[in-house]
């Protein structure tokens, strides 16, 4: 990975030391989270310059990858230090920590309690990489909520509350980061009639955390209009998100409309499995995490060696 950040050497060992920004780029763990792991849990102990700037050795970067490995198994960050020291399995079941968080979030949503929901998200994001949060909290949460919303007619306000919160929370982060980035964007198009499509926003949020600029279109557009957008934006790829049926003719028209990689994401991949098997030019991923991994495999967004691909 290229970086303009200078490297430093430990004069006593001639070992290359990396600043926190470079480590964040190489591991996918942002600087806020790295500092929290150090201060709150003692997981990483970087060296310091005379001015107090953190410097990380190769061994410390390897330890970050070890931490990520445990987090990707669903282990709470508070348990990781002991596991690294003793190489033992946690006494607490892997599901119990996230189950507790899930129940807490369900309570906030049922009460339409925006502030504690917001604070809980910010706290979790300071400790866990986005992919871990998505895998163990946000996707299971959405599954529970969708089941509840489908079975109970009185949850309409709750549904609008949470989906509005999720869209605003993730969208504001993406908009902020886009202002700091340049280069060819990833163009993402929601094919659902529902504007507040959670899978679309989770897919965009995960891609955004790979340091990739995004252009997000929340409504379906005709293929000829996509041709216009591709000509103007010159994206690195186009991601079509669909959780329902998609007309076969529309996908064929989309293939003809673009000359960049095209990826179909969402439950539409399972719905049209047989049809899509004969369309090798469309890359497929049936959920937000799979979408991120597919984009990484195609070298369309950055891939971090610390990530666990499932």
C-alpha atoms as a PDB file:
ATOM      1  CA  UNK A   1       0.000   0.000   0.000  1.00  0.00           C
ATOM      2  CA  UNK A   2       1.395   3.398  -0.897  1.00  0.00           C
ATOM      3  CA  UNK A   3       1.619   6.127   1.716  1.00  0.00           C
ATOM      4  CA  UNK A   4       3.284   9.509   1.898  1.00  0.00           C
ATOM      5  CA  UNK A   5       3.845   9.030   5.636  1.00  0.00           C
ATOM      6  CA  UNK A   6       7.572   8.665   6.394  1.00  0.00           C
ATOM      7  CA  UNK A   7       8.800   5.534   8.139  1.00  0.00           C
ATOM      8  CA  UNK A   8      10.919   5.645  11.297  1.00  0.00           C
ATOM      9  CA  UNK A   9      13.622   3.284  12.530  1.00  0.00           C
ATOM     10  CA  UNK A  10      14.374   2.272  16.095  1.00  0.00           C
ATOM     11  CA  UNK A  11      18.002   3.356  16.403  1.00  0.00           C
ATOM     12  CA  UNK A  12      18.759   0.574  18.888  1.00  0.00           C
ATOM     13  CA  UNK A  13      17.555  -2.236  16.634  1.00  0.00           C
ATOM     14  CA  UNK A  14      17.253  -0.668  13.132  1.00  0.00           C
ATOM     15  CA  UNK A  15      13.673  -1.953  13.087  1.00  0.00           C
ATOM     16  CA  UNK A  16      11.188  -0.044  10.930  1.00  0.00           C
ATOM     17  CA  UNK A  17       8.507   1.671  13.022  1.00  0.00           C
ATOM     18  CA  UNK A  18       5.221   2.883  11.586  1.00  0.00           C
ATOM     19  CA  UNK A  19       3.100   5.876  12.683  1.00  0.00           C
ATOM     20  CA  UNK A  20      -0.504   5.302  13.707  1.00  0.00           C
ATOM     21  CA  UNK A  21      -1.976   6.559  10.435  1.00  0.00           C
ATOM     22  CA  UNK A  22       0.038   4.042   8.429  1.00  0.00           C
ATOM     23  CA  UNK A  23      -0.894   1.232  10.819  1.00  0.00           C
ATOM     24  CA  UNK A  24      -4.577   2.157  10.470  1.00  0.00           C
ATOM     25  CA  UNK A  25      -4.281   1.976   6.682  1.00  0.00           C
ATOM     26  CA  UNK A  26      -2.497  -1.389   6.781  1.00  0.00           C
ATOM     27  CA  UNK A  27      -4.774  -3.098   9.291  1.00  0.00           C
ATOM     28  CA  UNK A  28      -8.162  -1.449   8.718  1.00  0.00           C
ATOM     29  CA  UNK A  29      -8.384  -0.493  12.410  1.00  0.00           C
ATOM     30  CA  UNK A  30      -8.845   3.252  12.727  1.00  0.00           C
ATOM     31  CA  UNK A  31      -6.656   5.400  14.957  1.00  0.00           C
ATOM     32  CA  UNK A  32      -9.419   6.029  17.506  1.00  0.00           C
ATOM     33  CA  UNK A  33      -9.861   2.281  18.014  1.00  0.00           C
ATOM     34  CA  UNK A  34      -6.106   1.653  18.256  1.00  0.00           C
ATOM     35  CA  UNK A  35      -5.825   4.285  20.975  1.00  0.00           C
ATOM     36  CA  UNK A  36      -8.820   2.799  22.829  1.00  0.00           C
ATOM     37  CA  UNK A  37      -7.282  -0.690  22.719  1.00  0.00           C
ATOM     38  CA  UNK A  38      -4.108   0.761  24.237  1.00  0.00           C
ATOM     39  CA  UNK A  39      -5.631   2.996  26.921  1.00  0.00           C
ATOM     40  CA  UNK A  40      -8.578   0.929  28.079  1.00  0.00           C
ATOM     41  CA  UNK A  41      -7.356  -2.633  27.639  1.00  0.00           C
ATOM     42  CA  UNK A  42      -3.571  -2.557  27.265  1.00  0.00           C
ATOM     43  CA  UNK A  43      -3.753  -4.660  24.108  1.00  0.00           C
ATOM     44  CA  UNK A  44      -1.093  -2.714  22.195  1.00  0.00           C
ATOM     45  CA  UNK A  45       1.920  -0.903  23.633  1.00  0.00           C
ATOM     46  CA  UNK A  46       3.443   1.301  20.930  1.00  0.00           C
ATOM     47  CA  UNK A  47       6.681   3.224  21.341  1.00  0.00           C
ATOM     48  CA  UNK A  48       6.584   7.016  21.561  1.00  0.00           C
ATOM     49  CA  UNK A  49       8.580   9.785  19.945  1.00  0.00           C
ATOM     50  CA  UNK A  50       9.904  12.668  22.050  1.00  0.00           C
ATOM     51  CA  UNK A  51       6.759  14.569  21.068  1.00  0.00           C
ATOM     52  CA  UNK A  52       4.534  11.702  22.187  1.00  0.00           C
ATOM     53  CA  UNK A  53       3.564  10.345  18.749  1.00  0.00           C
ATOM     54  CA  UNK A  54       2.891   6.592  18.626  1.00  0.00           C
ATOM     55  CA  UNK A  55       5.157   4.276  16.628  1.00  0.00           C
ATOM     56  CA  UNK A  56       4.366   0.605  15.970  1.00  0.00           C
ATOM     57  CA  UNK A  57       6.765  -2.257  15.321  1.00  0.00           C
ATOM     58  CA  UNK A  58       6.202  -5.280  13.093  1.00  0.00           C
ATOM     59  CA  UNK A  59       5.463  -7.390  16.198  1.00  0.00           C
ATOM     60  CA  UNK A  60       2.844  -4.897  17.363  1.00  0.00           C
ATOM     61  CA  UNK A  61       1.160  -4.944  13.975  1.00  0.00           C
ATOM     62  CA  UNK A  62       1.096  -8.745  14.162  1.00  0.00           C
ATOM     63  CA  UNK A  63      -0.542  -8.430  17.574  1.00  0.00           C
ATOM     64  CA  UNK A  64      -3.208  -6.147  16.081  1.00  0.00           C
ATOM     65  CA  UNK A  65      -3.957  -8.917  13.585  1.00  0.00           C
ATOM     66  CA  UNK A  66      -4.211 -11.388  16.468  1.00  0.00           C
ATOM     67  CA  UNK A  67      -6.698  -9.095  18.212  1.00  0.00           C
ATOM     68  CA  UNK A  68      -8.722  -8.855  15.020  1.00  0.00           C
ATOM     69  CA  UNK A  69      -8.734 -12.632  14.758  1.00  0.00           C
ATOM     70  CA  UNK A  70     -10.404 -12.965  18.165  1.00  0.00           C
ATOM     71  CA  UNK A  71     -12.862 -10.156  17.468  1.00  0.00           C
ATOM     72  CA  UNK A  72     -13.872 -11.817  14.206  1.00  0.00           C
ATOM     73  CA  UNK A  73     -14.760 -14.902  16.269  1.00  0.00           C
ATOM     74  CA  UNK A  74     -17.197 -12.780  18.244  1.00  0.00           C
ATOM     75  CA  UNK A  75     -15.082 -12.378  21.399  1.00  0.00           C
ATOM     76  CA  UNK A  76     -15.614  -9.212  23.479  1.00  0.00           C
ATOM     77  CA  UNK A  77     -12.624  -6.876  23.353  1.00  0.00           C
ATOM     78  CA  UNK A  78     -12.382  -7.008  27.167  1.00  0.00           C
ATOM     79  CA  UNK A  79     -11.555 -10.749  26.948  1.00  0.00           C
ATOM     80  CA  UNK A  80      -8.899 -10.555  24.263  1.00  0.00           C
ATOM     81  CA  UNK A  81      -5.846  -9.675  26.391  1.00  0.00           C
ATOM     82  CA  UNK A  82      -6.186 -12.788  28.555  1.00  0.00           C
ATOM     83  CA  UNK A  83      -6.740 -14.951  25.476  1.00  0.00           C
ATOM     84  CA  UNK A  84      -3.586 -13.601  23.864  1.00  0.00           C
ATOM     85  CA  UNK A  85      -1.585 -14.224  27.028  1.00  0.00           C
ATOM     86  CA  UNK A  86      -2.829 -17.724  27.802  1.00  0.00           C
ATOM     87  CA  UNK A  87      -4.061 -18.970  24.406  1.00  0.00           C
ATOM     88  CA  UNK A  88      -7.228 -20.284  26.021  1.00  0.00           C
ATOM     89  CA  UNK A  89     -10.844 -20.354  25.028  1.00  0.00           C
ATOM     90  CA  UNK A  90     -13.048 -17.738  26.719  1.00  0.00           C
ATOM     91  CA  UNK A  91     -15.146 -18.958  29.633  1.00  0.00           C
ATOM     92  CA  UNK A  92     -18.047 -16.875  28.395  1.00  0.00           C
ATOM     93  CA  UNK A  93     -19.692 -18.218  25.269  1.00  0.00           C
ATOM     94  CA  UNK A  94     -18.853 -16.225  22.168  1.00  0.00           C
ATOM     95  CA  UNK A  95     -22.492 -15.338  21.589  1.00  0.00           C
ATOM     96  CA  UNK A  96     -23.286 -14.012  25.053  1.00  0.00           C
ATOM     97  CA  UNK A  97     -21.537 -10.641  24.757  1.00  0.00           C
ATOM     98  CA  UNK A  98     -23.177  -9.764  21.450  1.00  0.00           C
ATOM     99  CA  UNK A  99     -26.522 -11.168  22.588  1.00  0.00           C
ATOM    100  CA  UNK A 100     -26.474  -8.733  25.501  1.00  0.00           C
ATOM    101  CA  UNK A 101     -25.728  -5.834  23.167  1.00  0.00           C
ATOM    102  CA  UNK A 102     -28.464  -6.974  20.817  1.00  0.00           C
ATOM    103  CA  UNK A 103     -31.051  -7.014  23.595  1.00  0.00           C
ATOM    104  CA  UNK A 104     -29.957  -3.573  24.724  1.00  0.00           C
ATOM    105  CA  UNK A 105     -30.326  -2.140  21.234  1.00  0.00           C
ATOM    106  CA  UNK A 106     -33.735  -3.750  20.787  1.00  0.00           C
ATOM    107  CA  UNK A 107     -34.830  -1.997  23.982  1.00  0.00           C
ATOM    108  CA  UNK A 108     -33.578   1.371  22.753  1.00  0.00           C
ATOM    109  CA  UNK A 109     -35.398   0.921  19.455  1.00  0.00           C
ATOM    110  CA  UNK A 110     -38.634  -0.146  21.127  1.00  0.00           C
ATOM    111  CA  UNK A 111     -38.500   3.017  23.272  1.00  0.00           C
ATOM    112  CA  UNK A 112     -37.523   5.206  20.270  1.00  0.00           C
ATOM    113  CA  UNK A 113     -34.536   6.273  22.383  1.00  0.00           C
ATOM    114  CA  UNK A 114     -32.234   7.978  19.900  1.00  0.00           C
ATOM    115  CA  UNK A 115     -29.607   9.358  22.291  1.00  0.00           C
ATOM    116  CA  UNK A 116     -28.662   6.066  24.038  1.00  0.00           C
ATOM    117  CA  UNK A 117     -28.754   4.295  20.662  1.00  0.00           C
ATOM    118  CA  UNK A 118     -26.404   6.916  19.277  1.00  0.00           C
ATOM    119  CA  UNK A 119     -24.070   6.705  22.257  1.00  0.00           C
ATOM    120  CA  UNK A 120     -24.011   2.914  22.174  1.00  0.00           C
ATOM    121  CA  UNK A 121     -23.103   2.926  18.476  1.00  0.00           C
ATOM    122  CA  UNK A 122     -20.313   5.468  18.997  1.00  0.00           C
ATOM    123  CA  UNK A 123     -18.880   3.479  21.897  1.00  0.00           C
ATOM    124  CA  UNK A 124     -18.981   0.216  19.960  1.00  0.00           C
ATOM    125  CA  UNK A 125     -17.385   1.788  16.895  1.00  0.00           C
ATOM    126  CA  UNK A 126     -14.517   3.077  19.037  1.00  0.00           C
ATOM    127  CA  UNK A 127     -13.714  -0.507  20.108  1.00  0.00           C
ATOM    128  CA  UNK A 128     -14.611  -2.739  17.160  1.00  0.00           C
ATOM    129  CA  UNK A 129     -13.889  -2.651  13.427  1.00  0.00           C
ATOM    130  CA  UNK A 130     -16.990  -1.979  11.281  1.00  0.00           C
ATOM    131  CA  UNK A 131     -17.007  -5.487   9.801  1.00  0.00           C
ATOM    132  CA  UNK A 132     -17.112  -7.031  13.284  1.00  0.00           C
ATOM    133  CA  UNK A 133     -19.977  -4.747  14.338  1.00  0.00           C
ATOM    134  CA  UNK A 134     -21.857  -5.568  11.167  1.00  0.00           C
ATOM    135  CA  UNK A 135     -21.384  -9.331  11.505  1.00  0.00           C
ATOM    136  CA  UNK A 136     -22.221  -9.744  15.193  1.00  0.00           C
ATOM    137  CA  UNK A 137     -24.558  -6.860  15.980  1.00  0.00           C
ATOM    138  CA  UNK A 138     -26.114  -4.967  13.073  1.00  0.00           C
ATOM    139  CA  UNK A 139     -27.044  -7.858  10.777  1.00  0.00           C
ATOM    140  CA  UNK A 140     -28.500 -10.038  13.598  1.00  0.00           C
ATOM    141  CA  UNK A 141     -30.320  -6.941  14.876  1.00  0.00           C
ATOM    142  CA  UNK A 142     -31.898  -6.291  11.482  1.00  0.00           C
ATOM    143  CA  UNK A 143     -32.922  -9.939  11.201  1.00  0.00           C
ATOM    144  CA  UNK A 144     -34.731  -9.739  14.553  1.00  0.00           C
ATOM    145  CA  UNK A 145     -36.325  -6.416  13.704  1.00  0.00           C
ATOM    146  CA  UNK A 146     -37.556  -7.522  10.283  1.00  0.00           C
ATOM    147  CA  UNK A 147     -39.187 -10.558  11.888  1.00  0.00           C
ATOM    148  CA  UNK A 148     -40.859  -8.350  14.481  1.00  0.00           C
ATOM    149  CA  UNK A 149     -41.974  -5.787  11.933  1.00  0.00           C
ATOM    150  CA  UNK A 150     -43.482  -8.471   9.712  1.00  0.00           C
ATOM    151  CA  UNK A 151     -45.434 -10.025  12.585  1.00  0.00           C
ATOM    152  CA  UNK A 152     -46.643  -6.925  14.406  1.00  0.00           C
ATOM    153  CA  UNK A 153     -48.751  -4.237  12.806  1.00  0.00           C
ATOM    154  CA  UNK A 154     -47.999  -1.662  15.548  1.00  0.00           C
ATOM    155  CA  UNK A 155     -44.294  -1.329  14.766  1.00  0.00           C
ATOM    156  CA  UNK A 156     -44.525   1.094  11.840  1.00  0.00           C
ATOM    157  CA  UNK A 157     -43.185   4.059  13.834  1.00  0.00           C
ATOM    158  CA  UNK A 158     -40.430   1.896  15.308  1.00  0.00           C
ATOM    159  CA  UNK A 159     -39.380   0.802  11.821  1.00  0.00           C
ATOM    160  CA  UNK A 160     -39.251   4.342  10.462  1.00  0.00           C
ATOM    161  CA  UNK A 161     -37.382   5.509  13.582  1.00  0.00           C
ATOM    162  CA  UNK A 162     -34.633   2.925  13.355  1.00  0.00           C
ATOM    163  CA  UNK A 163     -34.170   2.934   9.584  1.00  0.00           C
ATOM    164  CA  UNK A 164     -34.077   6.744   9.572  1.00  0.00           C
ATOM    165  CA  UNK A 165     -31.505   6.709  12.367  1.00  0.00           C
ATOM    166  CA  UNK A 166     -29.371   4.103  10.583  1.00  0.00           C
ATOM    167  CA  UNK A 167     -29.488   5.961   7.269  1.00  0.00           C
ATOM    168  CA  UNK A 168     -28.610   9.297   8.866  1.00  0.00           C
ATOM    169  CA  UNK A 169     -25.856   7.816  11.026  1.00  0.00           C
ATOM    170  CA  UNK A 170     -24.097   5.923   8.260  1.00  0.00           C
ATOM    171  CA  UNK A 171     -24.830   8.519   5.577  1.00  0.00           C
ATOM    172  CA  UNK A 172     -23.294  11.362   7.584  1.00  0.00           C
ATOM    173  CA  UNK A 173     -20.088   9.364   8.100  1.00  0.00           C
ATOM    174  CA  UNK A 174     -19.872   8.535   4.402  1.00  0.00           C
ATOM    175  CA  UNK A 175     -20.491  12.189   3.408  1.00  0.00           C
ATOM    176  CA  UNK A 176     -17.797  13.392   5.821  1.00  0.00           C
ATOM    177  CA  UNK A 177     -15.233  10.883   4.570  1.00  0.00           C
ATOM    178  CA  UNK A 178     -16.032  11.593   0.924  1.00  0.00           C
ATOM    179  CA  UNK A 179     -14.884  15.186   1.403  1.00  0.00           C
ATOM    180  CA  UNK A 180     -11.442  13.892   2.401  1.00  0.00           C
ATOM    181  CA  UNK A 181     -10.978  11.502  -0.539  1.00  0.00           C
ATOM    182  CA  UNK A 182     -10.210  11.676  -4.211  1.00  0.00           C
ATOM    183  CA  UNK A 183      -9.961   9.274  -7.122  1.00  0.00           C
ATOM    184  CA  UNK A 184     -12.481   7.116  -8.950  1.00  0.00           C
ATOM    185  CA  UNK A 185     -15.560   6.472  -6.782  1.00  0.00           C
ATOM    186  CA  UNK A 186     -17.499   3.295  -6.242  1.00  0.00           C
ATOM    187  CA  UNK A 187     -20.981   3.896  -7.657  1.00  0.00           C
ATOM    188  CA  UNK A 188     -23.706   2.168  -5.625  1.00  0.00           C
ATOM    189  CA  UNK A 189     -27.312   2.030  -6.823  1.00  0.00           C
ATOM    190  CA  UNK A 190     -30.280   0.905  -4.718  1.00  0.00           C
ATOM    191  CA  UNK A 191     -32.754  -1.032  -6.854  1.00  0.00           C
ATOM    192  CA  UNK A 192     -35.335  -1.214  -4.064  1.00  0.00           C
ATOM    193  CA  UNK A 193     -38.311   1.138  -3.922  1.00  0.00           C
ATOM    194  CA  UNK A 194     -37.559   1.558  -0.203  1.00  0.00           C
ATOM    195  CA  UNK A 195     -35.265   4.548   0.292  1.00  0.00           C
ATOM    196  CA  UNK A 196     -34.151   3.560   3.781  1.00  0.00           C
ATOM    197  CA  UNK A 197     -32.829   0.183   2.623  1.00  0.00           C
ATOM    198  CA  UNK A 198     -30.606  -1.051   5.482  1.00  0.00           C
ATOM    199  CA  UNK A 199     -28.586  -3.547   3.458  1.00  0.00           C
ATOM    200  CA  UNK A 200     -27.717  -0.848   0.930  1.00  0.00           C
ATOM    201  CA  UNK A 201     -26.478   1.485   3.653  1.00  0.00           C
ATOM    202  CA  UNK A 202     -24.525  -1.223   5.472  1.00  0.00           C
ATOM    203  CA  UNK A 203     -22.835  -2.229   2.214  1.00  0.00           C
ATOM    204  CA  UNK A 204     -21.914   1.393   1.543  1.00  0.00           C
ATOM    205  CA  UNK A 205     -20.652   1.910   5.096  1.00  0.00           C
ATOM    206  CA  UNK A 206     -18.366  -1.133   4.941  1.00  0.00           C
ATOM    207  CA  UNK A 207     -16.971  -0.053   1.576  1.00  0.00           C
ATOM    208  CA  UNK A 208     -16.492   3.456   2.950  1.00  0.00           C
ATOM    209  CA  UNK A 209     -14.303   2.108   5.740  1.00  0.00           C
ATOM    210  CA  UNK A 210     -11.952   0.754   3.085  1.00  0.00           C
ATOM    211  CA  UNK A 211     -10.977   4.356   2.288  1.00  0.00           C
ATOM    212  CA  UNK A 212     -12.931   4.367  -0.958  1.00  0.00           C
ATOM    213  CA  UNK A 213     -14.923   7.422  -2.200  1.00  0.00           C
ATOM    214  CA  UNK A 214     -18.582   6.579  -2.817  1.00  0.00           C
ATOM    215  CA  UNK A 215     -21.368   7.877  -5.040  1.00  0.00           C
ATOM    216  CA  UNK A 216     -24.718   6.669  -3.714  1.00  0.00           C
ATOM    217  CA  UNK A 217     -27.964   6.614  -5.726  1.00  0.00           C
ATOM    218  CA  UNK A 218     -30.918   5.671  -3.539  1.00  0.00           C
ATOM    219  CA  UNK A 219     -33.509   5.006  -6.264  1.00  0.00           C
ATOM    220  CA  UNK A 220     -33.505   2.756  -9.354  1.00  0.00           C
ATOM    221  CA  UNK A 221     -32.681   4.510 -12.594  1.00  0.00           C
ATOM    222  CA  UNK A 222     -33.066   3.375 -16.225  1.00  0.00           C
ATOM    223  CA  UNK A 223     -30.030   1.767 -17.806  1.00  0.00           C
ATOM    224  CA  UNK A 224     -29.586   4.650 -20.257  1.00  0.00           C
ATOM    225  CA  UNK A 225     -29.333   7.061 -17.327  1.00  0.00           C
ATOM    226  CA  UNK A 226     -26.715   4.843 -15.738  1.00  0.00           C
ATOM    227  CA  UNK A 227     -24.678   5.157 -18.931  1.00  0.00           C
ATOM    228  CA  UNK A 228     -24.755   8.927 -18.449  1.00  0.00           C
ATOM    229  CA  UNK A 229     -23.721   8.643 -14.795  1.00  0.00           C
ATOM    230  CA  UNK A 230     -20.846   6.268 -15.594  1.00  0.00           C
ATOM    231  CA  UNK A 231     -19.581   8.619 -18.315  1.00  0.00           C
ATOM    232  CA  UNK A 232     -19.604  11.550 -15.906  1.00  0.00           C
ATOM    233  CA  UNK A 233     -18.323   9.845 -12.744  1.00  0.00           C
ATOM    234  CA  UNK A 234     -15.909   7.318 -14.306  1.00  0.00           C
ATOM    235  CA  UNK A 235     -16.373   4.950 -11.358  1.00  0.00           C
ATOM    236  CA  UNK A 236     -14.090   2.037 -10.535  1.00  0.00           C
ATOM    237  CA  UNK A 237     -17.156  -0.241 -10.405  1.00  0.00           C
ATOM    238  CA  UNK A 238     -20.954  -0.238 -10.100  1.00  0.00           C
ATOM    239  CA  UNK A 239     -22.737  -2.046  -7.243  1.00  0.00           C
ATOM    240  CA  UNK A 240     -26.452  -2.797  -7.672  1.00  0.00           C
ATOM    241  CA  UNK A 241     -28.204  -3.527  -4.379  1.00  0.00           C
ATOM    242  CA  UNK A 242     -31.505  -5.420  -4.501  1.00  0.00           C
ATOM    243  CA  UNK A 243     -33.344  -7.330  -1.788  1.00  0.00           C
ATOM    244  CA  UNK A 244     -36.220  -8.317  -4.070  1.00  0.00           C
ATOM    245  CA  UNK A 245     -36.842  -9.502  -7.608  1.00  0.00           C
ATOM    246  CA  UNK A 246     -35.027  -7.812 -10.477  1.00  0.00           C
ATOM    247  CA  UNK A 247     -36.222  -8.024 -14.067  1.00  0.00           C
ATOM    248  CA  UNK A 248     -33.721 -10.049 -16.137  1.00  0.00           C
ATOM    249  CA  UNK A 249     -33.916  -7.495 -18.920  1.00  0.00           C
ATOM    250  CA  UNK A 250     -32.845  -4.772 -16.526  1.00  0.00           C
ATOM    251  CA  UNK A 251     -29.663  -6.624 -15.565  1.00  0.00           C
ATOM    252  CA  UNK A 252     -28.824  -7.264 -19.215  1.00  0.00           C
ATOM    253  CA  UNK A 253     -29.362  -3.600 -19.979  1.00  0.00           C
ATOM    254  CA  UNK A 254     -27.128  -2.659 -17.072  1.00  0.00           C
ATOM    255  CA  UNK A 255     -24.355  -4.880 -18.401  1.00  0.00           C
ATOM    256  CA  UNK A 256     -24.612  -3.157 -21.764  1.00  0.00           C
ATOM    257  CA  UNK A 257     -24.673   0.268 -20.113  1.00  0.00           C
ATOM    258  CA  UNK A 258     -21.371   0.043 -18.251  1.00  0.00           C
ATOM    259  CA  UNK A 259     -17.805  -0.806 -19.153  1.00  0.00           C
ATOM    260  CA  UNK A 260     -16.622  -1.258 -15.549  1.00  0.00           C
ATOM    261  CA  UNK A 261     -17.072  -4.220 -13.182  1.00  0.00           C
ATOM    262  CA  UNK A 262     -20.721  -4.754 -12.185  1.00  0.00           C
ATOM    263  CA  UNK A 263     -21.681  -6.366  -8.879  1.00  0.00           C
ATOM    264  CA  UNK A 264     -25.158  -7.432  -7.753  1.00  0.00           C
ATOM    265  CA  UNK A 265     -25.670  -7.510  -3.990  1.00  0.00           C
ATOM    266  CA  UNK A 266     -28.525  -8.452  -1.651  1.00  0.00           C
ATOM    267  CA  UNK A 267     -31.173 -11.166  -1.482  1.00  0.00           C
ATOM    268  CA  UNK A 268     -31.756 -10.841  -5.241  1.00  0.00           C
ATOM    269  CA  UNK A 269     -28.655 -13.014  -5.656  1.00  0.00           C
ATOM    270  CA  UNK A 270     -30.454 -15.924  -3.944  1.00  0.00           C
ATOM    271  CA  UNK A 271     -33.784 -15.192  -5.630  1.00  0.00           C
ATOM    272  CA  UNK A 272     -32.252 -15.256  -9.124  1.00  0.00           C
ATOM    273  CA  UNK A 273     -29.570 -17.855  -8.411  1.00  0.00           C
ATOM    274  CA  UNK A 274     -30.325 -20.039 -11.449  1.00  0.00           C
ATOM    275  CA  UNK A 275     -30.564 -17.129 -13.868  1.00  0.00           C
ATOM    276  CA  UNK A 276     -27.427 -15.416 -12.584  1.00  0.00           C
ATOM    277  CA  UNK A 277     -25.400 -18.585 -12.918  1.00  0.00           C
ATOM    278  CA  UNK A 278     -25.504 -18.094 -16.679  1.00  0.00           C
ATOM    279  CA  UNK A 279     -24.438 -14.431 -16.405  1.00  0.00           C
ATOM    280  CA  UNK A 280     -20.720 -14.643 -15.553  1.00  0.00           C
ATOM    281  CA  UNK A 281     -20.096 -10.941 -16.223  1.00  0.00           C
ATOM    282  CA  UNK A 282     -22.029  -9.960 -13.071  1.00  0.00           C
ATOM    283  CA  UNK A 283     -20.188 -10.454  -9.782  1.00  0.00           C
ATOM    284  CA  UNK A 284     -22.419 -11.647  -6.934  1.00  0.00           C
ATOM    285  CA  UNK A 285     -22.627 -11.126  -3.161  1.00  0.00           C
ATOM    286  CA  UNK A 286     -25.743 -11.828  -1.118  1.00  0.00           C
ATOM    287  CA  UNK A 287     -25.081  -9.650   1.958  1.00  0.00           C
ATOM    288  CA  UNK A 288     -23.109  -6.517   2.948  1.00  0.00           C
ATOM    289  CA  UNK A 289     -20.075  -8.392   4.311  1.00  0.00           C
ATOM    290  CA  UNK A 290     -19.897 -10.631   1.234  1.00  0.00           C
ATOM    291  CA  UNK A 291     -20.128  -7.475  -0.898  1.00  0.00           C
ATOM    292  CA  UNK A 292     -17.105  -5.980   0.852  1.00  0.00           C
ATOM    293  CA  UNK A 293     -15.110  -9.196   0.434  1.00  0.00           C
ATOM    294  CA  UNK A 294     -16.018  -9.461  -3.241  1.00  0.00           C
ATOM    295  CA  UNK A 295     -14.921  -5.877  -3.844  1.00  0.00           C
ATOM    296  CA  UNK A 296     -11.658  -6.631  -2.053  1.00  0.00           C
ATOM    297  CA  UNK A 297     -11.104  -9.772  -4.118  1.00  0.00           C
ATOM    298  CA  UNK A 298     -11.559  -7.703  -7.270  1.00  0.00           C
ATOM    299  CA  UNK A 299      -9.097  -5.091  -5.910  1.00  0.00           C
ATOM    300  CA  UNK A 300     -11.802  -2.430  -6.123  1.00  0.00           C
ATOM    301  CA  UNK A 301     -11.430  -1.420  -2.475  1.00  0.00           C
ATOM    302  CA  UNK A 302      -8.550  -1.888  -0.075  1.00  0.00           C
ATOM    303  CA  UNK A 303      -8.070  -5.303   1.463  1.00  0.00           C
ATOM    304  CA  UNK A 304      -6.638  -5.564   4.981  1.00  0.00           C
ATOM    305  CA  UNK A 305      -4.622  -8.635   5.866  1.00  0.00           C
ATOM    306  CA  UNK A 306      -6.127  -8.562   9.352  1.00  0.00           C
ATOM    307  CA  UNK A 307      -9.664  -9.117   8.071  1.00  0.00           C
ATOM    308  CA  UNK A 308     -11.266 -12.523   8.300  1.00  0.00           C
ATOM    309  CA  UNK A 309     -13.065 -13.530   5.124  1.00  0.00           C
ATOM    310  CA  UNK A 310     -15.921 -15.962   5.473  1.00  0.00           C
END
